[in-house]
Amino acid sequence: MTDHPVLGQVALGYSPMIDRHKAITALRLTVFPVRPDAQPDADALLAALGEAWPDPAHRVSLNIVGEDLLAALLRTDLPLNLMLEVPAFMASDLACTDALAALHTRGNTLLIKGRPLQPLPREVLPCFAYSIIDLADERRDGMPPPGGVSRNIPHVQAGVRTMAQMTEAFGRGAISVLGWPIDDPAPTRHATGAKAAQPELTGIVELINRVDRHEPIDRLEAVMKNDPTMAFKLMRYINSPAFGLSVEVTSFRHAIMLLGYQRLKRWLALLLAAGSRDANQKPVIYAAVRRGLLMEELGRDSGCDDERRGELFICGVFSLLDRLMHQPFDELLKSIPTSEAVHAALVHGNGPHLPYLALVQAIESASLFDIRAAAEALMMTTGAVNQAVLRALVAARQLD
């Protein structure tokens, strides 16, 4: 990607927008200006985002944490795939009326965020396709929303952190939720009633072990031939733009010859994370894939060699495996080969990979203070972190 100077003037966080079918329908990108005395250029920011999301089919909801920057964006030619979240107090401001109406007329999707303290201007209300209600300020059944926001506007529930909160939000009529439903308590060794790992996941773990032992291609190929679903997914992933291969891969043997054992293990790690058939786990899989890719990109920008970047990728992808396979890490990693550094980060919460995982978690939480602290711990600039974020999100989209 192009080096956009504006990326050094903002901090980025991201989270998914999830519909009732647990499909990811859009990405929410939170943008913080990092210096209150230096206004980022709105057009330059749009140019950087447009390079990352050029396809109109890929929707991004912009959550701008900065009134001046948001006001500037309201007056730009916003690409149609970039939705814009507008706080209720700005939607009520007559100075914004013309800009909101102009964007609505162009076909841009606008979301009103929060509850207005006074009725919206009559000409502004139809401009909003959705309202965003935070979990702390959720709608109550039988109570009309205050401030003149029509009940006919579908609402999106923000601030969702657990599976239960996601289910309850849909039960209250939310059309989508914003957030990471990955904060349920991690499984413990003594938990009762835990789900067993799915058989297809066990097969992938077996193949990872065989690859780790560098078994001959014939043996690996025989395992793959017994699982047509795994073979199909391998061909789909290997031939995706994210792998950047110049020729089409048509067989498992061909894939191994082109990839080598280390890159094959990387792909199997992705497949393991994405192997769950539980629809509720789609957001967890979405997070795991992006964690792995982002940790790898952060490692690239901080000067890590190929081996360490590969470990960072595995660490990120596996960091939610306890949720996906319903087992604690100390049990899981007895059967899945990982490096000492990955084991230390996931089981003991220490080691050289932990600062990278902490930075990714801060970015997921869209916490400016935590992003700054974690970046400083790695001696990385804001611009470098944001470049890594955008590269990882582009690569992840190519794998979806």
Protein backbone atom coordinates (compact mmCIF):
# COMPACT_ATOMS: atom_id res chain seq x y z
CA MET A 1 0.00 0.00 0.00
CA THR A 2 0.98 3.62 -0.55
CA ASP A 3 2.58 5.40 2.38
CA HIS A 4 -0.10 7.95 3.30
CA PRO A 5 1.23 10.61 5.73
CA VAL A 6 -2.29 11.12 7.11
CA LEU A 7 -2.04 7.68 8.71
CA GLY A 8 0.49 9.16 11.13
CA GLN A 9 -2.13 11.68 12.29
CA VAL A 10 -4.84 9.22 13.35
CA ALA A 11 -5.21 5.99 15.31
CA LEU A 12 -7.40 3.21 13.97
CA GLY A 13 -9.56 0.60 15.65
CA TYR A 14 -11.82 -1.93 13.98
CA SER A 15 -14.71 -4.25 14.80
CA PRO A 16 -17.34 -6.16 12.81
CA MET A 17 -20.96 -5.37 12.06
CA ILE A 18 -22.82 -8.67 12.48
CA ASP A 19 -26.32 -9.49 11.21
CA ARG A 20 -28.92 -11.91 12.60
CA HIS A 21 -27.38 -14.79 10.63
CA LYS A 22 -24.04 -14.05 12.31
CA ALA A 23 -22.59 -12.98 8.98
CA ILE A 24 -20.19 -10.04 8.89
CA THR A 25 -21.92 -7.41 6.76
CA ALA A 26 -19.50 -4.51 7.23
CA LEU A 27 -16.40 -3.40 9.06
CA ARG A 28 -16.58 -0.59 11.59
CA LEU A 29 -13.45 1.55 11.46
CA THR A 30 -12.95 3.88 14.42
CA VAL A 31 -10.71 6.88 13.64
CA PHE A 32 -9.11 9.00 16.37
CA PRO A 33 -7.19 12.19 15.53
CA VAL A 34 -4.08 11.76 17.69
CA ARG A 35 -3.39 15.49 18.16
CA PRO A 36 -6.21 17.90 19.00
CA ASP A 37 -4.17 20.80 17.64
CA ALA A 38 -3.56 19.18 14.22
CA GLN A 39 -6.62 18.43 12.11
CA PRO A 40 -6.08 15.47 9.73
CA ASP A 41 -6.89 16.19 6.10
CA ALA A 42 -10.28 14.61 5.31
CA ASP A 43 -9.52 14.10 1.59
CA ALA A 44 -6.16 12.50 2.37
CA LEU A 45 -7.85 10.14 4.84
CA LEU A 46 -10.44 9.15 2.24
CA ALA A 47 -7.66 8.50 -0.28
CA ALA A 48 -5.95 6.11 2.16
CA LEU A 49 -9.20 4.31 2.95
CA GLY A 50 -10.18 4.22 -0.70
CA GLU A 51 -6.98 2.38 -1.53
CA ALA A 52 -7.78 -0.23 1.13
CA TRP A 53 -11.46 -0.56 0.17
CA PRO A 54 -11.83 0.27 -3.55
CA ASP A 55 -14.64 -2.23 -4.16
CA PRO A 56 -18.16 -0.77 -3.69
CA ALA A 57 -19.28 -4.16 -2.38
CA HIS A 58 -17.04 -3.89 0.70
CA ARG A 59 -18.83 -1.69 3.21
CA VAL A 60 -17.07 0.21 5.98
CA SER A 61 -18.83 2.20 8.71
CA LEU A 62 -16.71 5.18 9.76
CA ASN A 63 -16.85 6.03 13.46
CA ILE A 64 -14.98 9.34 13.63
CA VAL A 65 -13.96 10.33 17.17
CA GLY A 66 -13.33 13.99 16.44
CA GLU A 67 -15.98 16.60 15.71
CA ASP A 68 -13.83 18.73 13.37
CA LEU A 69 -12.74 15.75 11.25
CA LEU A 70 -16.30 14.43 11.06
CA ALA A 71 -17.60 17.86 10.04
CA ALA A 72 -15.01 17.95 7.27
CA LEU A 73 -15.98 14.47 6.05
CA LEU A 74 -19.63 15.50 5.92
CA ARG A 75 -18.65 17.95 3.20
CA THR A 76 -16.60 15.58 1.02
CA ASP A 77 -17.51 13.30 -1.87
CA LEU A 78 -17.73 10.26 0.36
CA PRO A 79 -17.45 6.94 -1.53
CA LEU A 80 -20.73 5.05 -1.42
CA ASN A 81 -19.22 2.02 0.33
CA LEU A 82 -18.09 4.21 3.26
CA MET A 83 -21.00 4.64 5.65
CA LEU A 84 -20.78 7.52 8.09
CA GLU A 85 -21.83 7.52 11.75
CA VAL A 86 -23.13 10.90 12.95
CA PRO A 87 -23.57 11.64 16.69
CA ALA A 88 -27.07 12.74 17.59
CA PHE A 89 -25.92 16.17 18.77
CA MET A 90 -24.45 16.89 15.33
CA ALA A 91 -27.52 15.55 13.56
CA SER A 92 -29.57 18.09 15.54
CA ASP A 93 -27.28 20.95 14.54
CA LEU A 94 -28.86 23.09 11.82
CA ALA A 95 -25.37 23.87 10.50
CA CYS A 96 -25.09 20.20 9.41
CA THR A 97 -28.50 19.96 7.77
CA ASP A 98 -27.42 20.79 4.21
CA ALA A 99 -24.39 18.49 4.34
CA LEU A 100 -26.45 15.56 5.64
CA ALA A 101 -29.13 16.14 2.99
CA ALA A 102 -26.50 16.31 0.24
CA LEU A 103 -24.90 13.00 1.28
CA HIS A 104 -28.31 11.35 1.52
CA THR A 105 -29.23 12.60 -1.96
CA ARG A 106 -25.96 11.15 -3.35
CA GLY A 107 -26.89 7.75 -1.95
CA ASN A 108 -24.52 7.64 1.02
CA THR A 109 -25.58 5.56 4.02
CA LEU A 110 -25.78 7.58 7.24
CA LEU A 111 -26.22 6.22 10.76
CA ILE A 112 -27.30 8.35 13.71
CA LYS A 113 -25.39 7.46 16.86
CA GLY A 114 -27.01 7.87 20.25
CA ARG A 115 -30.25 9.50 21.36
CA PRO A 116 -30.87 13.15 20.40
CA LEU A 117 -31.80 15.42 23.30
CA GLN A 118 -34.21 17.33 21.08
CA PRO A 119 -36.28 16.44 18.01
CA LEU A 120 -34.32 16.25 14.78
CA PRO A 121 -35.10 18.73 12.02
CA ARG A 122 -37.84 17.30 9.82
CA GLU A 123 -35.63 17.33 6.72
CA VAL A 124 -32.80 15.46 8.51
CA LEU A 125 -34.63 12.45 9.91
CA PRO A 126 -35.11 10.68 6.54
CA CYS A 127 -31.36 10.96 5.88
CA PHE A 128 -30.56 8.19 8.36
CA ALA A 129 -30.82 4.55 7.33
CA TYR A 130 -30.00 3.18 10.80
CA SER A 131 -29.65 4.33 14.37
CA ILE A 132 -26.85 3.08 16.62
CA ILE A 133 -27.79 2.47 20.24
CA ASP A 134 -25.03 1.54 22.66
CA LEU A 135 -25.66 -1.38 24.98
CA ALA A 136 -25.49 1.01 27.95
CA ASP A 137 -28.34 3.03 26.42
CA GLU A 138 -30.35 0.24 24.87
CA ARG A 139 -33.94 0.54 23.75
CA ARG A 140 -36.61 -0.73 26.10
CA ASP A 141 -39.67 -2.50 24.81
CA GLY A 142 -42.79 -0.37 25.01
CA MET A 143 -40.87 2.89 25.38
CA PRO A 144 -40.77 5.18 22.34
CA PRO A 145 -37.27 6.44 21.56
CA PRO A 146 -36.85 10.06 22.69
CA GLY A 147 -35.81 13.04 20.61
CA GLY A 148 -37.94 12.37 17.57
CA VAL A 149 -36.03 9.33 16.24
CA SER A 150 -38.62 7.23 14.45
CA ARG A 151 -39.17 3.65 15.49
CA ASN A 152 -39.19 2.87 11.75
CA ILE A 153 -35.42 3.36 11.60
CA PRO A 154 -33.77 -0.06 12.12
CA HIS A 155 -31.34 0.01 15.00
CA VAL A 156 -27.85 -1.39 15.42
CA GLN A 157 -26.70 -2.41 18.91
CA ALA A 158 -23.17 -1.25 19.74
CA GLY A 159 -20.93 -2.32 22.59
CA VAL A 160 -21.60 -6.08 22.29
CA ARG A 161 -18.86 -8.11 24.00
CA THR A 162 -20.37 -11.58 24.63
CA MET A 163 -22.46 -14.17 22.80
CA ALA A 164 -25.27 -13.64 25.31
CA GLN A 165 -25.30 -9.88 24.66
CA MET A 166 -25.43 -10.53 20.92
CA THR A 167 -28.36 -12.93 21.28
CA GLU A 168 -30.23 -10.55 23.59
CA ALA A 169 -29.68 -7.62 21.21
CA PHE A 170 -31.28 -9.52 18.35
CA GLY A 171 -34.09 -10.52 20.68
CA ARG A 172 -34.77 -6.83 21.30
CA GLY A 173 -35.07 -6.21 17.57
CA ALA A 174 -31.59 -5.08 16.55
CA ILE A 175 -30.93 -5.49 12.84
CA SER A 176 -27.17 -5.83 13.48
CA VAL A 177 -24.67 -5.59 16.31
CA LEU A 178 -21.33 -3.81 16.52
CA GLY A 179 -18.55 -5.28 18.62
CA TRP A 180 -16.57 -8.42 19.35
CA PRO A 181 -18.67 -11.15 21.03
CA ILE A 182 -15.49 -12.87 22.21
CA ASP A 183 -15.35 -11.91 25.88
CA ASP A 184 -17.22 -14.89 27.30
CA PRO A 185 -15.25 -16.61 30.06
CA ALA A 186 -12.50 -18.78 28.66
CA PRO A 187 -13.00 -22.54 29.13
CA THR A 188 -11.21 -24.07 32.09
CA ARG A 189 -9.84 -27.52 32.67
CA HIS A 190 -12.49 -28.24 35.30
CA ALA A 191 -15.47 -26.84 33.37
CA THR A 192 -18.42 -29.18 33.09
CA GLY A 193 -20.59 -29.62 30.05
CA ALA A 194 -17.96 -28.28 27.65
CA LYS A 195 -18.46 -29.12 24.01
CA ALA A 196 -16.09 -31.59 22.43
CA ALA A 197 -13.92 -30.50 19.55
CA GLN A 198 -15.56 -31.20 16.21
CA PRO A 199 -14.20 -34.24 14.31
CA GLU A 200 -13.12 -32.16 11.29
CA LEU A 201 -11.07 -29.93 13.59
CA THR A 202 -9.37 -32.96 15.06
CA GLY A 203 -8.40 -34.05 11.54
CA ILE A 204 -6.81 -30.68 10.84
CA VAL A 205 -4.84 -30.90 14.10
CA GLU A 206 -3.55 -34.31 12.99
CA LEU A 207 -2.42 -32.89 9.66
CA ILE A 208 -0.70 -29.94 11.40
CA ASN A 209 1.25 -32.44 13.49
CA ARG A 210 2.25 -34.40 10.38
CA VAL A 211 3.39 -31.23 8.64
CA ASP A 212 5.34 -30.22 11.74
CA ARG A 213 7.15 -33.58 11.57
CA HIS A 214 7.87 -32.98 7.86
CA GLU A 215 6.31 -36.27 6.87
CA PRO A 216 6.65 -37.20 3.16
CA ILE A 217 4.26 -35.56 0.71
CA ASP A 218 2.68 -38.94 -0.13
CA ARG A 219 1.50 -39.39 3.48
CA LEU A 220 0.17 -35.85 3.71
CA GLU A 221 -1.58 -36.23 0.38
CA ALA A 222 -3.23 -39.46 1.54
CA VAL A 223 -4.66 -37.69 4.61
CA MET A 224 -6.01 -34.88 2.45
CA LYS A 225 -7.61 -37.27 -0.07
CA ASN A 226 -9.66 -38.77 2.74
CA ASP A 227 -11.18 -35.36 3.49
CA PRO A 228 -12.60 -33.81 0.30
CA THR A 229 -13.90 -30.77 2.21
CA MET A 230 -10.45 -29.96 3.51
CA ALA A 231 -8.98 -30.42 0.04
CA PHE A 232 -11.57 -28.07 -1.48
CA LYS A 233 -10.86 -25.39 1.11
CA LEU A 234 -7.13 -25.76 0.51
CA MET A 235 -7.55 -25.17 -3.22
CA ARG A 236 -9.80 -22.17 -2.59
CA TYR A 237 -7.42 -20.54 -0.14
CA ILE A 238 -4.25 -21.26 -2.09
CA ASN A 239 -5.75 -19.77 -5.25
CA SER A 240 -7.03 -16.65 -3.47
CA PRO A 241 -5.35 -13.27 -4.17
CA ALA A 242 -3.94 -13.23 -0.62
CA PHE A 243 -1.38 -15.92 -1.51
CA GLY A 244 -0.19 -14.01 -4.58
CA LEU A 245 0.68 -17.10 -6.61
CA SER A 246 1.26 -16.56 -10.33
CA VAL A 247 -0.08 -19.99 -11.37
CA GLU A 248 -3.26 -21.87 -10.52
CA VAL A 249 -2.81 -24.69 -8.03
CA THR A 250 -4.76 -27.78 -9.08
CA SER A 251 -3.65 -30.52 -6.65
CA PHE A 252 -2.59 -30.95 -3.06
CA ARG A 253 0.85 -32.18 -4.15
CA HIS A 254 1.26 -29.09 -6.29
CA ALA A 255 0.22 -26.93 -3.32
CA ILE A 256 2.84 -28.51 -1.05
CA MET A 257 5.55 -28.13 -3.68
CA LEU A 258 4.74 -24.45 -4.12
CA LEU A 259 4.13 -23.58 -0.48
CA GLY A 260 6.59 -25.69 1.43
CA TYR A 261 5.93 -27.06 4.89
CA GLN A 262 6.01 -23.77 6.79
CA ARG A 263 3.47 -21.97 4.57
CA LEU A 264 1.31 -25.10 4.51
CA LYS A 265 1.28 -25.07 8.32
CA ARG A 266 0.24 -21.41 8.16
CA TRP A 267 -2.69 -22.29 5.92
CA LEU A 268 -3.73 -25.18 8.19
CA ALA A 269 -3.71 -22.78 11.14
CA LEU A 270 -6.19 -20.60 9.26
CA LEU A 271 -8.28 -23.61 8.34
CA LEU A 272 -8.30 -24.78 11.97
CA ALA A 273 -9.57 -21.41 13.15
CA ALA A 274 -12.20 -21.29 10.40
CA GLY A 275 -13.28 -24.91 10.71
CA SER A 276 -16.17 -24.50 13.15
CA ARG A 277 -19.66 -25.12 11.80
CA ASP A 278 -21.29 -23.16 14.63
CA ALA A 279 -22.79 -20.02 13.08
CA ASN A 280 -22.34 -18.15 16.37
CA GLN A 281 -18.59 -18.60 15.99
CA LYS A 282 -18.33 -16.62 12.73
CA PRO A 283 -17.32 -13.40 14.54
CA VAL A 284 -14.70 -15.33 16.53
CA ILE A 285 -13.24 -16.79 13.33
CA TYR A 286 -13.30 -13.31 11.78
CA ALA A 287 -11.31 -11.98 14.73
CA ALA A 288 -8.83 -14.87 14.80
CA VAL A 289 -7.88 -14.55 11.13
CA ARG A 290 -7.36 -10.79 11.43
CA ARG A 291 -5.38 -11.16 14.63
CA GLY A 292 -2.96 -13.50 12.90
CA LEU A 293 -2.52 -11.34 9.82
CA LEU A 294 -2.18 -8.14 11.86
CA MET A 295 0.39 -9.61 14.26
CA GLU A 296 2.40 -10.77 11.25
CA GLU A 297 2.25 -7.30 9.67
CA LEU A 298 3.22 -5.61 12.93
CA GLY A 299 6.17 -7.96 13.11
CA ARG A 300 7.15 -7.02 9.57
CA ASP A 301 7.18 -3.31 10.42
CA SER A 302 9.13 -3.86 13.63
CA GLY A 303 11.89 -5.77 11.82
CA CYS A 304 11.09 -9.39 12.70
CA ASP A 305 12.56 -12.09 10.47
CA ASP A 306 10.45 -14.59 8.52
CA GLU A 307 10.47 -17.22 11.25
CA ARG A 308 9.32 -14.85 13.96
CA ARG A 309 6.65 -13.31 11.73
CA GLY A 310 5.34 -16.82 11.11
CA GLU A 311 5.18 -17.41 14.86
CA LEU A 312 3.33 -14.13 15.37
CA PHE A 313 0.81 -15.18 12.74
CA ILE A 314 0.22 -18.54 14.46
CA CYS A 315 -0.03 -16.80 17.85
CA GLY A 316 -2.73 -14.44 16.60
CA VAL A 317 -4.78 -17.09 14.81
CA PHE A 318 -4.56 -19.45 17.81
CA SER A 319 -5.31 -16.72 20.38
CA LEU A 320 -9.06 -17.48 20.18
CA LEU A 321 -8.74 -21.21 19.61
CA ASP A 322 -9.81 -21.93 23.18
CA ARG A 323 -13.23 -20.38 22.36
CA LEU A 324 -13.47 -22.20 19.03
CA MET A 325 -12.51 -25.64 20.33
CA HIS A 326 -13.96 -25.25 23.85
CA GLN A 327 -10.76 -26.26 25.60
CA PRO A 328 -8.27 -24.29 27.72
CA PHE A 329 -4.95 -23.42 26.10
CA ASP A 330 -2.86 -25.58 28.41
CA GLU A 331 -4.82 -28.60 27.15
CA LEU A 332 -5.11 -27.51 23.51
CA LEU A 333 -1.43 -26.85 22.99
CA LYS A 334 -0.51 -30.32 24.18
CA SER A 335 -1.85 -31.64 20.87
CA ILE A 336 -0.97 -28.74 18.55
CA PRO A 337 2.73 -28.01 17.96
CA THR A 338 3.68 -24.41 18.70
CA SER A 339 6.89 -22.57 19.56
CA GLU A 340 7.85 -21.75 23.13
CA ALA A 341 7.05 -18.07 22.51
CA VAL A 342 3.52 -18.85 21.27
CA HIS A 343 2.98 -21.20 24.20
CA ALA A 344 4.20 -18.54 26.65
CA ALA A 345 1.87 -15.87 25.25
CA LEU A 346 -1.26 -18.02 25.16
CA VAL A 347 -0.81 -20.20 28.25
CA HIS A 348 1.21 -18.01 30.63
CA GLY A 349 0.51 -14.50 29.34
CA ASN A 350 4.15 -13.52 28.91
CA GLY A 351 7.01 -13.78 26.46
CA PRO A 352 8.15 -11.84 23.37
CA HIS A 353 4.90 -12.24 21.41
CA LEU A 354 2.63 -10.87 24.12
CA PRO A 355 3.23 -7.13 23.33
CA TYR A 356 2.05 -7.72 19.75
CA LEU A 357 -1.09 -9.50 20.97
CA ALA A 358 -1.72 -6.64 23.44
CA LEU A 359 -1.53 -4.10 20.60
CA VAL A 360 -3.99 -6.08 18.48
CA GLN A 361 -6.41 -6.33 21.39
CA ALA A 362 -6.13 -2.57 21.96
CA ILE A 363 -6.93 -1.96 18.28
CA GLU A 364 -9.94 -4.29 18.51
CA SER A 365 -11.14 -2.37 21.56
CA ALA A 366 -10.66 0.97 19.78
CA SER A 367 -8.98 2.35 22.92
CA LEU A 368 -6.72 5.26 21.99
CA PHE A 369 -4.87 5.19 25.31
CA ASP A 370 -4.18 1.43 25.06
CA ILE A 371 -3.19 1.66 21.39
CA ARG A 372 -0.66 4.36 22.18
CA ALA A 373 0.75 2.48 25.17
CA ALA A 374 1.04 -0.82 23.30
CA ALA A 375 2.63 0.83 20.24
CA GLU A 376 5.16 2.60 22.44
CA ALA A 377 6.03 -0.70 24.12
CA LEU A 378 6.97 -2.02 20.66
CA MET A 379 8.64 1.29 19.70
CA MET A 380 6.31 1.58 16.71
CA THR A 381 4.93 4.82 15.31
CA THR A 382 1.21 5.40 14.83
CA GLY A 383 1.70 5.54 11.08
CA ALA A 384 3.46 2.18 10.99
CA VAL A 385 0.74 0.57 13.12
CA ASN A 386 -2.01 1.94 10.85
CA GLN A 387 -0.23 0.79 7.70
CA ALA A 388 -0.05 -2.69 9.22
CA VAL A 389 -3.75 -2.54 10.14
CA LEU A 390 -4.81 -1.68 6.60
CA ARG A 391 -2.53 -4.29 4.99
CA ALA A 392 -3.88 -6.97 7.33
CA LEU A 393 -7.51 -6.04 6.70
CA VAL A 394 -6.95 -6.10 2.94
CA ALA A 395 -5.29 -9.53 3.14
CA ALA A 396 -8.06 -10.86 5.39
CA ARG A 397 -10.74 -9.71 2.97
CA GLN A 398 -8.99 -11.60 0.17
CA LEU A 399 -9.27 -14.78 2.23
CA ASP A 400 -12.97 -14.36 3.08
